[in-house]
């Protein structure tokens, strides 16, 4: 299963979110694949997410955005499974 991780360049929140996502993936024995997408490489994504990054999405549903934390990711993901 893939998690989409939308980021921007030089984004401190994105750096922290990456660490939280690593903890999240470890919780599920690495069965989760994280696909990192830099919104600055796509004008449509940039317009949609520029004020929201980082954004973590699973099956088209945003699990969390902005200040991402491990516990909230787990809870949101488990609700959708």
N, C-alpha and C. Protein backbone atom coordinates (compact mmCIF):
# COMPACT_ATOMS: atom_id res chain seq x y z
N UNK A 1 0.83 -1.17 0.00
CA UNK A 1 0.00 0.00 0.00
C UNK A 1 0.87 1.24 0.00
N UNK A 2 0.44 2.25 -0.73
CA UNK A 2 1.24 3.46 -0.89
C UNK A 2 0.65 4.62 -0.11
N UNK A 3 1.53 5.35 0.52
CA UNK A 3 1.21 6.61 1.17
C UNK A 3 1.85 7.70 0.32
N UNK A 4 1.09 8.70 -0.08
CA UNK A 4 1.66 9.83 -0.81
C UNK A 4 2.05 10.90 0.20
N UNK A 5 3.28 11.37 0.05
CA UNK A 5 3.85 12.36 0.96
C UNK A 5 4.24 13.57 0.14
N UNK A 6 3.41 14.60 0.20
CA UNK A 6 3.64 15.83 -0.57
C UNK A 6 4.51 16.77 0.26
N UNK A 7 5.59 17.24 -0.37
CA UNK A 7 6.54 18.12 0.32
C UNK A 7 6.87 19.32 -0.55
N UNK A 8 7.51 20.30 0.07
CA UNK A 8 8.08 21.44 -0.63
C UNK A 8 9.57 21.47 -0.36
N UNK A 9 10.28 22.32 -1.07
CA UNK A 9 11.72 22.46 -0.86
C UNK A 9 11.99 23.32 0.36
N UNK A 10 13.09 23.03 1.04
CA UNK A 10 13.51 23.80 2.21
C UNK A 10 12.37 23.94 3.23
N UNK A 11 11.75 22.82 3.54
CA UNK A 11 10.57 22.79 4.42
C UNK A 11 10.92 22.05 5.71
N UNK A 12 11.06 22.78 6.79
CA UNK A 12 11.38 22.18 8.08
C UNK A 12 10.29 21.23 8.57
N UNK A 13 9.03 21.61 8.36
CA UNK A 13 7.93 20.73 8.74
C UNK A 13 7.98 19.42 7.94
N UNK A 14 8.40 19.51 6.69
CA UNK A 14 8.51 18.32 5.84
C UNK A 14 9.60 17.39 6.37
N UNK A 15 10.70 17.97 6.82
CA UNK A 15 11.79 17.16 7.39
C UNK A 15 11.31 16.40 8.63
N UNK A 16 10.58 17.10 9.50
CA UNK A 16 10.04 16.46 10.69
C UNK A 16 9.01 15.39 10.32
N UNK A 17 8.16 15.70 9.35
CA UNK A 17 7.13 14.74 8.93
C UNK A 17 7.77 13.47 8.39
N UNK A 18 8.89 13.58 7.71
CA UNK A 18 9.61 12.41 7.17
C UNK A 18 10.02 11.48 8.32
N UNK A 19 10.49 12.05 9.40
CA UNK A 19 10.88 11.26 10.58
C UNK A 19 9.66 10.55 11.16
N UNK A 20 8.54 11.29 11.27
CA UNK A 20 7.30 10.71 11.80
C UNK A 20 6.80 9.59 10.90
N UNK A 21 6.91 9.77 9.58
CA UNK A 21 6.50 8.74 8.63
C UNK A 21 7.37 7.49 8.73
N UNK A 22 8.65 7.67 9.02
CA UNK A 22 9.53 6.51 9.20
C UNK A 22 9.09 5.70 10.42
N UNK A 23 8.73 6.39 11.52
CA UNK A 23 8.21 5.70 12.71
C UNK A 23 6.91 4.98 12.37
N UNK A 24 6.06 5.65 11.62
CA UNK A 24 4.77 5.10 11.19
C UNK A 24 4.98 3.83 10.37
N UNK A 25 5.87 3.89 9.40
CA UNK A 25 6.16 2.72 8.56
C UNK A 25 6.72 1.57 9.39
N UNK A 26 7.59 1.88 10.34
CA UNK A 26 8.15 0.85 11.22
C UNK A 26 7.06 0.14 12.02
N UNK A 27 6.03 0.85 12.39
CA UNK A 27 4.91 0.28 13.16
C UNK A 27 4.20 -0.82 12.37
N UNK A 28 4.20 -0.71 11.06
CA UNK A 28 3.52 -1.68 10.21
C UNK A 28 4.50 -2.60 9.48
N UNK A 29 5.63 -2.85 10.09
CA UNK A 29 6.63 -3.78 9.56
C UNK A 29 7.00 -3.50 8.10
N UNK A 30 7.11 -2.25 7.77
CA UNK A 30 7.55 -1.81 6.45
C UNK A 30 6.64 -2.26 5.31
N UNK A 31 5.39 -2.65 5.61
CA UNK A 31 4.46 -3.04 4.55
C UNK A 31 3.97 -1.83 3.76
N UNK A 32 4.26 -0.66 4.26
CA UNK A 32 3.81 0.57 3.64
C UNK A 32 4.94 1.17 2.80
N UNK A 33 4.60 1.57 1.59
CA UNK A 33 5.55 2.27 0.73
C UNK A 33 5.19 3.75 0.74
N UNK A 34 6.17 4.57 1.01
CA UNK A 34 5.95 6.02 1.02
C UNK A 34 6.48 6.61 -0.27
N UNK A 35 5.61 7.26 -1.01
CA UNK A 35 5.97 7.91 -2.27
C UNK A 35 6.06 9.41 -2.00
N UNK A 36 7.26 9.94 -2.09
CA UNK A 36 7.49 11.36 -1.83
C UNK A 36 7.33 12.15 -3.12
N UNK A 37 6.51 13.19 -3.06
CA UNK A 37 6.22 14.01 -4.23
C UNK A 37 6.51 15.47 -3.89
N UNK A 38 7.46 16.07 -4.62
CA UNK A 38 7.77 17.48 -4.42
C UNK A 38 6.77 18.30 -5.24
N UNK A 39 5.95 19.08 -4.56
CA UNK A 39 4.89 19.83 -5.24
C UNK A 39 5.44 20.91 -6.17
N UNK A 40 6.69 21.28 -5.98
CA UNK A 40 7.27 22.34 -6.80
C UNK A 40 7.62 21.85 -8.21
N UNK A 41 7.49 20.57 -8.44
CA UNK A 41 7.76 20.01 -9.76
C UNK A 41 6.49 19.88 -10.61
N UNK A 42 5.35 20.25 -10.05
CA UNK A 42 4.07 20.13 -10.75
C UNK A 42 3.22 21.35 -10.39
N UNK A 43 2.89 22.18 -11.38
CA UNK A 43 2.15 23.42 -11.13
C UNK A 43 0.80 23.18 -10.46
N UNK A 44 0.11 22.12 -10.87
CA UNK A 44 -1.21 21.83 -10.30
C UNK A 44 -1.08 21.46 -8.82
N UNK A 45 -0.12 20.59 -8.51
CA UNK A 45 0.10 20.21 -7.11
C UNK A 45 0.58 21.39 -6.29
N UNK A 46 1.42 22.21 -6.88
CA UNK A 46 1.92 23.38 -6.16
C UNK A 46 0.77 24.31 -5.78
N UNK A 47 -0.13 24.54 -6.71
CA UNK A 47 -1.28 25.40 -6.43
C UNK A 47 -2.18 24.79 -5.35
N UNK A 48 -2.37 23.48 -5.41
CA UNK A 48 -3.27 22.79 -4.47
C UNK A 48 -2.69 22.71 -3.05
N UNK A 49 -1.38 22.44 -2.95
CA UNK A 49 -0.79 22.14 -1.65
C UNK A 49 0.19 23.18 -1.10
N UNK A 50 0.43 24.27 -1.81
CA UNK A 50 1.53 25.15 -1.42
C UNK A 50 1.44 25.70 0.01
N UNK A 51 0.25 25.89 0.52
CA UNK A 51 0.10 26.39 1.89
C UNK A 51 -0.20 25.27 2.89
N UNK A 52 -0.17 24.03 2.42
CA UNK A 52 -0.58 22.91 3.27
C UNK A 52 0.55 21.93 3.59
N UNK A 53 1.66 21.95 2.84
CA UNK A 53 2.71 20.94 3.01
C UNK A 53 3.32 20.99 4.40
N UNK A 54 3.73 19.85 4.88
CA UNK A 54 3.64 18.53 4.28
C UNK A 54 2.21 17.98 4.36
N UNK A 55 1.88 17.14 3.39
CA UNK A 55 0.58 16.48 3.35
C UNK A 55 0.80 14.99 3.19
N UNK A 56 0.13 14.20 4.04
CA UNK A 56 0.21 12.75 3.98
C UNK A 56 -1.16 12.24 3.55
N UNK A 57 -1.17 11.46 2.46
CA UNK A 57 -2.43 11.02 1.87
C UNK A 57 -2.41 9.50 1.65
N UNK A 58 -3.54 8.88 1.92
CA UNK A 58 -3.69 7.44 1.69
C UNK A 58 -5.02 7.20 0.99
N UNK A 59 -5.00 6.55 -0.16
CA UNK A 59 -6.20 6.26 -0.95
C UNK A 59 -7.05 7.50 -1.20
N UNK A 60 -6.40 8.62 -1.48
CA UNK A 60 -7.11 9.85 -1.79
C UNK A 60 -7.62 10.62 -0.59
N UNK A 61 -7.36 10.12 0.61
CA UNK A 61 -7.80 10.77 1.84
C UNK A 61 -6.58 11.35 2.55
N UNK A 62 -6.66 12.62 2.91
CA UNK A 62 -5.56 13.26 3.65
C UNK A 62 -5.59 12.76 5.09
N UNK A 63 -4.51 12.10 5.49
CA UNK A 63 -4.39 11.63 6.87
C UNK A 63 -3.99 12.75 7.80
N UNK A 64 -3.10 13.60 7.30
CA UNK A 64 -2.62 14.72 8.11
C UNK A 64 -1.87 15.69 7.23
N UNK A 65 -1.86 16.95 7.64
CA UNK A 65 -1.11 17.97 6.92
C UNK A 65 -0.56 18.99 7.92
N UNK A 66 0.44 19.72 7.47
CA UNK A 66 1.06 20.71 8.36
C UNK A 66 1.98 20.03 9.35
N UNK A 67 1.63 20.12 10.61
CA UNK A 67 2.45 19.52 11.66
C UNK A 67 2.06 18.05 11.82
N UNK A 68 2.82 17.17 11.23
CA UNK A 68 2.52 15.73 11.19
C UNK A 68 3.10 15.04 12.41
N UNK A 69 2.28 14.19 13.05
CA UNK A 69 2.79 13.42 14.18
C UNK A 69 2.39 11.95 14.06
N UNK A 70 3.23 11.11 14.61
CA UNK A 70 3.12 9.66 14.53
C UNK A 70 1.77 9.14 15.03
N UNK A 71 1.33 9.59 16.20
CA UNK A 71 0.11 9.07 16.81
C UNK A 71 -1.11 9.37 15.95
N UNK A 72 -1.22 10.58 15.45
CA UNK A 72 -2.35 10.96 14.61
C UNK A 72 -2.34 10.17 13.31
N UNK A 73 -1.17 9.95 12.74
CA UNK A 73 -1.07 9.13 11.52
C UNK A 73 -1.59 7.72 11.76
N UNK A 74 -1.19 7.11 12.86
CA UNK A 74 -1.63 5.76 13.19
C UNK A 74 -3.15 5.72 13.32
N UNK A 75 -3.71 6.67 14.07
CA UNK A 75 -5.15 6.69 14.29
C UNK A 75 -5.92 6.89 12.99
N UNK A 76 -5.47 7.83 12.17
CA UNK A 76 -6.16 8.11 10.90
C UNK A 76 -6.05 6.93 9.95
N UNK A 77 -4.89 6.31 9.88
CA UNK A 77 -4.68 5.17 8.99
C UNK A 77 -5.54 3.98 9.43
N UNK A 78 -5.55 3.71 10.72
CA UNK A 78 -6.32 2.57 11.23
C UNK A 78 -7.82 2.75 10.97
N UNK A 79 -8.31 3.96 10.98
CA UNK A 79 -9.72 4.22 10.67
C UNK A 79 -10.06 3.86 9.24
N UNK A 80 -9.11 4.02 8.33
CA UNK A 80 -9.36 3.78 6.91
C UNK A 80 -9.13 2.34 6.48
N UNK A 81 -8.41 1.58 7.26
CA UNK A 81 -8.10 0.20 6.89
C UNK A 81 -9.32 -0.68 6.94
